């Protein structure tokens, strides 16, 4: 059974850091591009970051550029989102998603480009 499981969320003070993980099971992660999305209460789901299947192409939302870094370890079937200098507006449920998306896409792919989703992990940035 194909499954994505996020972990690493929690409560952190403004300016702090968290590293989210997205672990895949039931399929070969190497073939899939991975995206991170987030959804805050009362807001639409928004794309945060993207990494191509080989890891050579990444994209970020303007709101997180310079603060978040996406990476992947295909041998461990895991994708990471390192989040630094966190702000209260980063508070949301964070989701990872997998899809067959070419690296040349050039922009953050919309949610409908992804076939598989995790259940989400809560990130709360508050003092």
Protein backbone atom coordinates (compact mmCIF):
# COMPACT_ATOMS: atom_id res chain seq x y z
CA UNK A 1 0.00 0.00 0.00
CA UNK A 2 1.42 3.34 -1.09
CA UNK A 3 1.76 5.69 1.86
CA UNK A 4 3.35 9.01 2.80
CA UNK A 5 3.82 9.85 6.47
CA UNK A 6 4.88 13.27 7.71
CA UNK A 7 6.60 13.84 11.05
CA UNK A 8 8.62 16.47 12.87
CA UNK A 9 5.95 19.05 13.52
CA UNK A 10 5.42 20.70 16.86
CA UNK A 11 5.39 23.93 18.83
CA UNK A 12 8.32 26.29 18.36
CA UNK A 13 9.04 29.89 19.30
CA UNK A 14 9.40 32.58 16.63
CA UNK A 15 12.90 32.45 15.19
CA UNK A 16 13.22 28.76 15.91
CA UNK A 17 13.69 25.79 13.60
CA UNK A 18 12.01 22.51 12.77
CA UNK A 19 12.78 19.75 10.32
CA UNK A 20 9.85 17.95 8.79
CA UNK A 21 10.20 14.49 7.30
CA UNK A 22 8.08 12.77 4.67
CA UNK A 23 8.62 9.01 4.67
CA UNK A 24 7.37 6.87 1.80
CA UNK A 25 6.34 3.26 1.92
CA UNK A 26 4.85 0.89 -0.61
CA UNK A 27 6.47 2.53 -3.64
CA UNK A 28 9.81 3.64 -5.08
CA UNK A 29 10.31 7.25 -4.09
CA UNK A 30 13.01 7.76 -6.76
CA UNK A 31 10.39 8.05 -9.49
CA UNK A 32 8.36 10.80 -7.86
CA UNK A 33 8.66 14.52 -7.41
CA UNK A 34 7.67 15.66 -3.94
CA UNK A 35 5.92 18.80 -2.84
CA UNK A 36 5.29 20.33 0.55
CA UNK A 37 2.04 22.22 1.13
CA UNK A 38 0.52 23.88 4.14
CA UNK A 39 -2.95 24.91 5.20
CA UNK A 40 -3.75 27.33 7.98
CA UNK A 41 -7.22 27.53 9.55
CA UNK A 42 -9.64 29.33 7.26
CA UNK A 43 -7.14 29.51 4.41
CA UNK A 44 -6.59 27.60 1.22
CA UNK A 45 -3.86 25.01 0.88
CA UNK A 46 -0.72 26.66 -0.49
CA UNK A 47 2.41 25.26 -2.05
CA UNK A 48 5.55 25.68 -0.01
CA UNK A 49 8.28 23.80 -1.82
CA UNK A 50 9.00 21.28 -4.58
CA UNK A 51 11.83 18.91 -5.34
CA UNK A 52 12.24 16.89 -8.51
CA UNK A 53 12.61 13.12 -8.47
CA UNK A 54 16.38 13.33 -8.77
CA UNK A 55 16.71 16.22 -6.38
CA UNK A 56 18.33 18.55 -8.89
CA UNK A 57 15.46 21.02 -9.16
CA UNK A 58 13.80 22.82 -6.26
CA UNK A 59 11.24 25.60 -6.00
CA UNK A 60 9.99 27.63 -3.07
CA UNK A 61 7.14 29.95 -2.32
CA UNK A 62 8.29 33.56 -1.99
CA UNK A 63 7.13 33.57 1.62
CA UNK A 64 9.68 30.89 2.62
CA UNK A 65 12.62 31.56 0.30
CA UNK A 66 15.86 31.85 2.21
CA UNK A 67 14.33 30.25 5.31
CA UNK A 68 13.19 26.78 4.19
CA UNK A 69 15.26 24.11 2.44
CA UNK A 70 13.90 20.97 0.81
CA UNK A 71 16.06 17.88 0.33
CA UNK A 72 15.64 14.19 -0.28
CA UNK A 73 17.39 10.92 0.48
CA UNK A 74 16.01 8.38 -1.97
CA UNK A 75 17.91 5.55 -0.31
CA UNK A 76 16.01 6.29 2.89
CA UNK A 77 12.79 7.01 0.94
CA UNK A 78 12.49 10.28 2.81
CA UNK A 79 12.11 13.93 1.89
CA UNK A 80 12.92 16.69 4.35
CA UNK A 81 11.85 20.27 4.85
CA UNK A 82 14.26 22.24 7.02
CA UNK A 83 12.47 25.30 8.35
CA UNK A 84 14.52 28.07 9.94
CA UNK A 85 13.66 31.55 11.23
CA UNK A 86 10.09 30.45 11.74
CA UNK A 87 7.37 33.08 11.99
CA UNK A 88 3.88 32.94 13.50
CA UNK A 89 2.46 33.09 9.97
CA UNK A 90 4.14 29.75 9.24
CA UNK A 91 1.66 28.10 11.59
CA UNK A 92 -0.29 25.49 9.61
CA UNK A 93 -0.76 21.81 8.95
CA UNK A 94 2.04 20.75 6.61
CA UNK A 95 1.48 18.05 4.01
CA UNK A 96 3.79 16.25 1.64
CA UNK A 97 2.63 14.92 -1.71
CA UNK A 98 4.09 12.77 -4.47
CA UNK A 99 3.53 12.95 -8.20
CA UNK A 100 5.00 12.35 -11.63
CA UNK A 101 6.04 15.94 -12.35
CA UNK A 102 8.93 16.86 -14.65
CA UNK A 103 11.79 18.92 -13.28
CA UNK A 104 11.41 21.44 -16.11
CA UNK A 105 8.04 22.58 -14.71
CA UNK A 106 9.70 25.81 -13.59
CA UNK A 107 7.22 26.80 -10.92
CA UNK A 108 5.59 25.34 -7.84
CA UNK A 109 3.14 22.74 -9.14
CA UNK A 110 -0.49 23.10 -8.01
CA UNK A 111 -2.03 20.47 -5.73
CA UNK A 112 -3.87 18.73 -8.58
CA UNK A 113 -0.54 17.64 -10.11
CA UNK A 114 0.09 15.32 -7.16
CA UNK A 115 -1.38 11.84 -6.90
CA UNK A 116 -0.56 10.86 -3.32
CA UNK A 117 -0.80 12.78 -0.05
CA UNK A 118 0.23 12.32 3.54
CA UNK A 119 -2.02 12.98 6.51
CA UNK A 120 -0.24 16.15 7.61
CA UNK A 121 1.73 17.34 10.63
CA UNK A 122 0.92 20.41 12.71
CA UNK A 123 3.45 23.22 12.99
CA UNK A 124 2.71 25.96 15.50
CA UNK A 125 4.96 29.00 15.85
CA UNK A 126 4.12 30.93 18.98
CA UNK A 127 5.74 32.50 21.99
